[in-house]
C-alpha atoms as a PDB file:
ATOM      1  CA  MET A   1    -140.542 -79.734 -62.450  1.00  0.00           C
ATOM      2  CA  ILE A   2    -137.245 -78.233 -63.635  1.00  0.00           C
ATOM      3  CA  LEU A   3    -138.418 -74.734 -62.625  1.00  0.00           C
ATOM      4  CA  SER A   4    -138.938 -75.849 -59.037  1.00  0.00           C
ATOM      5  CA  ARG A   5    -135.502 -77.470 -59.062  1.00  0.00           C
ATOM      6  CA  ILE A   6    -133.902 -74.224 -60.215  1.00  0.00           C
ATOM      7  CA  ASP A   7    -135.749 -72.367 -57.470  1.00  0.00           C
ATOM      8  CA  VAL A   8    -134.508 -74.680 -54.749  1.00  0.00           C
ATOM      9  CA  LEU A   9    -130.988 -74.803 -56.237  1.00  0.00           C
ATOM     10  CA  SER A  10    -130.757 -71.068 -56.506  1.00  0.00           C
ATOM     11  CA  GLU A  11    -131.769 -70.655 -52.898  1.00  0.00           C
ATOM     12  CA  ARG A  12    -128.905 -72.900 -51.807  1.00  0.00           C
ATOM     13  CA  LEU A  13    -126.401 -71.023 -54.021  1.00  0.00           C
ATOM     14  CA  ILE A  14    -126.851 -67.586 -52.477  1.00  0.00           C
ATOM     15  CA  GLU A  15    -124.092 -68.276 -49.934  1.00  0.00           C
ATOM     16  CA  PHE A  16    -121.676 -69.329 -52.659  1.00  0.00           C
ATOM     17  CA  VAL A  17    -122.300 -66.177 -54.686  1.00  0.00           C
ATOM     18  CA  ALA A  18    -121.782 -64.040 -51.656  1.00  0.00           C
ATOM     19  CA  ARG A  19    -118.554 -65.832 -50.854  1.00  0.00           C
ATOM     20  CA  ILE A  20    -117.141 -65.541 -54.384  1.00  0.00           C
ATOM     21  CA  ALA A  21    -118.183 -61.861 -54.640  1.00  0.00           C
ATOM     22  CA  SER A  22    -116.509 -61.196 -51.255  1.00  0.00           C
ATOM     23  CA  LYS A  23    -113.323 -63.049 -52.240  1.00  0.00           C
ATOM     24  CA  ILE A  24    -113.853 -65.581 -49.433  1.00  0.00           C
ATOM     25  CA  SER A  25    -112.988 -69.243 -50.040  1.00  0.00           C
ATOM     26  CA  TYR A  26    -115.704 -71.861 -50.223  1.00  0.00           C
ATOM     27  CA  ASP A  27    -115.922 -75.635 -50.114  1.00  0.00           C
ATOM     28  CA  GLN A  28    -115.926 -76.828 -53.736  1.00  0.00           C
ATOM     29  CA  SER A  29    -116.953 -80.329 -52.678  1.00  0.00           C
ATOM     30  CA  LYS A  30    -120.043 -78.891 -50.942  1.00  0.00           C
ATOM     31  CA  LEU A  31    -120.910 -76.951 -54.118  1.00  0.00           C
ATOM     32  CA  LYS A  32    -120.487 -80.133 -56.185  1.00  0.00           C
ATOM     33  CA  ALA A  33    -122.733 -82.055 -53.771  1.00  0.00           C
ATOM     34  CA  ILE A  34    -125.459 -79.377 -54.022  1.00  0.00           C
ATOM     35  CA  SER A  35    -125.304 -79.017 -57.789  1.00  0.00           C
ATOM     36  CA  GLY A  36    -124.559 -82.591 -58.747  1.00  0.00           C
ATOM     37  CA  SER A  37    -121.451 -83.547 -60.727  1.00  0.00           C
ATOM     38  CA  SER A  38    -123.175 -83.343 -64.075  1.00  0.00           C
ATOM     39  CA  MET A  39    -124.230 -79.685 -63.501  1.00  0.00           C
ATOM     40  CA  TYR A  40    -121.214 -78.562 -61.501  1.00  0.00           C
ATOM     41  CA  LYS A  41    -119.508 -76.594 -64.307  1.00  0.00           C
ATOM     42  CA  LEU A  42    -122.754 -74.955 -65.399  1.00  0.00           C
ATOM     43  CA  VAL A  43    -123.569 -73.962 -61.835  1.00  0.00           C
ATOM     44  CA  LEU A  44    -119.992 -72.742 -61.217  1.00  0.00           C
ATOM     45  CA  ASN A  45    -120.087 -70.596 -64.306  1.00  0.00           C
ATOM     46  CA  SER A  46    -123.491 -69.148 -63.398  1.00  0.00           C
ATOM     47  CA  ILE A  47    -122.627 -68.263 -59.833  1.00  0.00           C
ATOM     48  CA  THR A  48    -119.289 -66.789 -60.843  1.00  0.00           C
ATOM     49  CA  ARG A  49    -120.986 -64.536 -63.372  1.00  0.00           C
ATOM     50  CA  VAL A  50    -123.526 -63.411 -60.741  1.00  0.00           C
ATOM     51  CA  ALA A  51    -120.811 -62.859 -58.160  1.00  0.00           C
ATOM     52  CA  ASP A  52    -118.775 -60.739 -60.631  1.00  0.00           C
ATOM     53  CA  TRP A  53    -121.930 -58.658 -61.267  1.00  0.00           C
ATOM     54  CA  VAL A  54    -122.945 -58.018 -57.626  1.00  0.00           C
ATOM     55  CA  SER A  55    -119.587 -56.732 -56.337  1.00  0.00           C
ATOM     56  CA  ASN A  56    -116.970 -54.349 -57.477  1.00  0.00           C
ATOM     57  CA  GLU A  57    -113.414 -53.718 -56.318  1.00  0.00           C
ATOM     58  CA  HIS A  58    -111.796 -50.281 -56.370  1.00  0.00           C
ATOM     59  CA  ASP A  59    -108.298 -49.742 -54.984  1.00  0.00           C
ATOM     60  CA  GLY A  60    -108.535 -52.999 -53.063  1.00  0.00           C
ATOM     61  CA  LEU A  61    -111.826 -52.065 -51.463  1.00  0.00           C
ATOM     62  CA  LEU A  62    -115.058 -54.028 -52.032  1.00  0.00           C
ATOM     63  CA  TRP A  63    -118.315 -52.378 -52.985  1.00  0.00           C
ATOM     64  CA  CYS A  64    -121.859 -53.651 -53.497  1.00  0.00           C
ATOM     65  CA  ARG A  65    -123.044 -53.009 -57.021  1.00  0.00           C
ATOM     66  CA  LEU A  66    -126.635 -53.660 -56.138  1.00  0.00           C
ATOM     67  CA  CYS A  67    -126.954 -50.641 -53.863  1.00  0.00           C
ATOM     68  CA  GLU A  68    -123.570 -48.893 -54.429  1.00  0.00           C
ATOM     69  CA  LYS A  69    -122.716 -49.137 -50.701  1.00  0.00           C
ATOM     70  CA  GLY A  70    -119.236 -49.674 -49.405  1.00  0.00           C
ATOM     71  CA  PRO A  71    -116.407 -49.903 -48.888  1.00  0.00           C
ATOM     72  CA  PHE A  72    -116.615 -53.252 -47.148  1.00  0.00           C
ATOM     73  CA  THR A  73    -114.202 -55.776 -45.740  1.00  0.00           C
ATOM     74  CA  LYS A  74    -114.477 -59.257 -47.188  1.00  0.00           C
ATOM     75  CA  ARG A  75    -116.620 -60.409 -44.271  1.00  0.00           C
ATOM     76  CA  GLY A  76    -118.623 -57.188 -44.260  1.00  0.00           C
ATOM     77  CA  LEU A  77    -119.568 -57.540 -47.946  1.00  0.00           C
ATOM     78  CA  TYR A  78    -120.422 -61.195 -47.446  1.00  0.00           C
ATOM     79  CA  LEU A  79    -122.764 -60.372 -44.610  1.00  0.00           C
ATOM     80  CA  HIS A  80    -124.275 -57.398 -46.458  1.00  0.00           C
ATOM     81  CA  LEU A  81    -125.025 -59.506 -49.531  1.00  0.00           C
ATOM     82  CA  VAL A  82    -126.545 -62.388 -47.568  1.00  0.00           C
ATOM     83  CA  ARG A  83    -128.618 -60.180 -45.218  1.00  0.00           C
ATOM     84  CA  VAL A  84    -129.706 -57.396 -47.494  1.00  0.00           C
ATOM     85  CA  HIS A  85    -129.688 -58.751 -51.060  1.00  0.00           C
ATOM     86  CA  SER A  86    -130.368 -62.523 -50.811  1.00  0.00           C
ATOM     87  CA  TYR A  87    -133.700 -62.124 -52.687  1.00  0.00           C
ATOM     88  CA  GLU A  88    -132.061 -60.174 -55.567  1.00  0.00           C
ATOM     89  CA  ILE A  89    -129.096 -62.638 -55.721  1.00  0.00           C
ATOM     90  CA  LYS A  90    -131.519 -65.602 -55.807  1.00  0.00           C
ATOM     91  CA  ASN A  91    -133.353 -64.035 -58.764  1.00  0.00           C
ATOM     92  CA  LEU A  92    -130.096 -63.320 -60.595  1.00  0.00           C
ATOM     93  CA  ILE A  93    -128.960 -66.911 -60.065  1.00  0.00           C
ATOM     94  CA  GLU A  94    -132.272 -68.239 -61.373  1.00  0.00           C
ATOM     95  CA  GLU A  95    -132.029 -66.067 -64.487  1.00  0.00           C
ATOM     96  CA  GLU A  96    -128.443 -67.141 -65.090  1.00  0.00           C
ATOM     97  CA  LEU A  97    -129.218 -70.832 -64.623  1.00  0.00           C
ATOM     98  CA  ARG A  98    -132.208 -70.624 -67.018  1.00  0.00           C
ATOM     99  CA  ARG A  99    -130.080 -68.808 -69.531  1.00  0.00           C
ATOM    100  CA  GLU A 100    -127.264 -71.440 -69.261  1.00  0.00           C
ATOM    101  CA  LEU A 101    -129.748 -74.328 -69.577  1.00  0.00           C
ATOM    102  CA  ARG A 102    -131.239 -72.828 -72.721  1.00  0.00           C
ATOM    103  CA  ILE A 103    -127.823 -72.421 -74.242  1.00  0.00           C
ATOM    104  CA  ASN A 104    -126.623 -75.924 -73.322  1.00  0.00           C
ATOM    105  CA  THR A 105    -129.779 -77.850 -74.417  1.00  0.00           C
END
């Protein structure tokens, strides 16, 4: 049961990872509603780690670490991540959430 919850949750977190990676603001109350108040910090830590991993910044320009394409504007990187790499990001989120849950249990 918990694996299916992680699958559904990770699907809903792709947008947040793409926003954080692109340095675009996001609605923290929406993230808290999706993750639940008890798991909010765990989810925030997980998506922040994934976001830090999927993007790179050189001289103020954003690059995709998954395919080494760029440079992108903030919006350009966000759209690239969501359109091209959503499956990879979902898998990275799932791995990170599972790792976090093992550590914290």
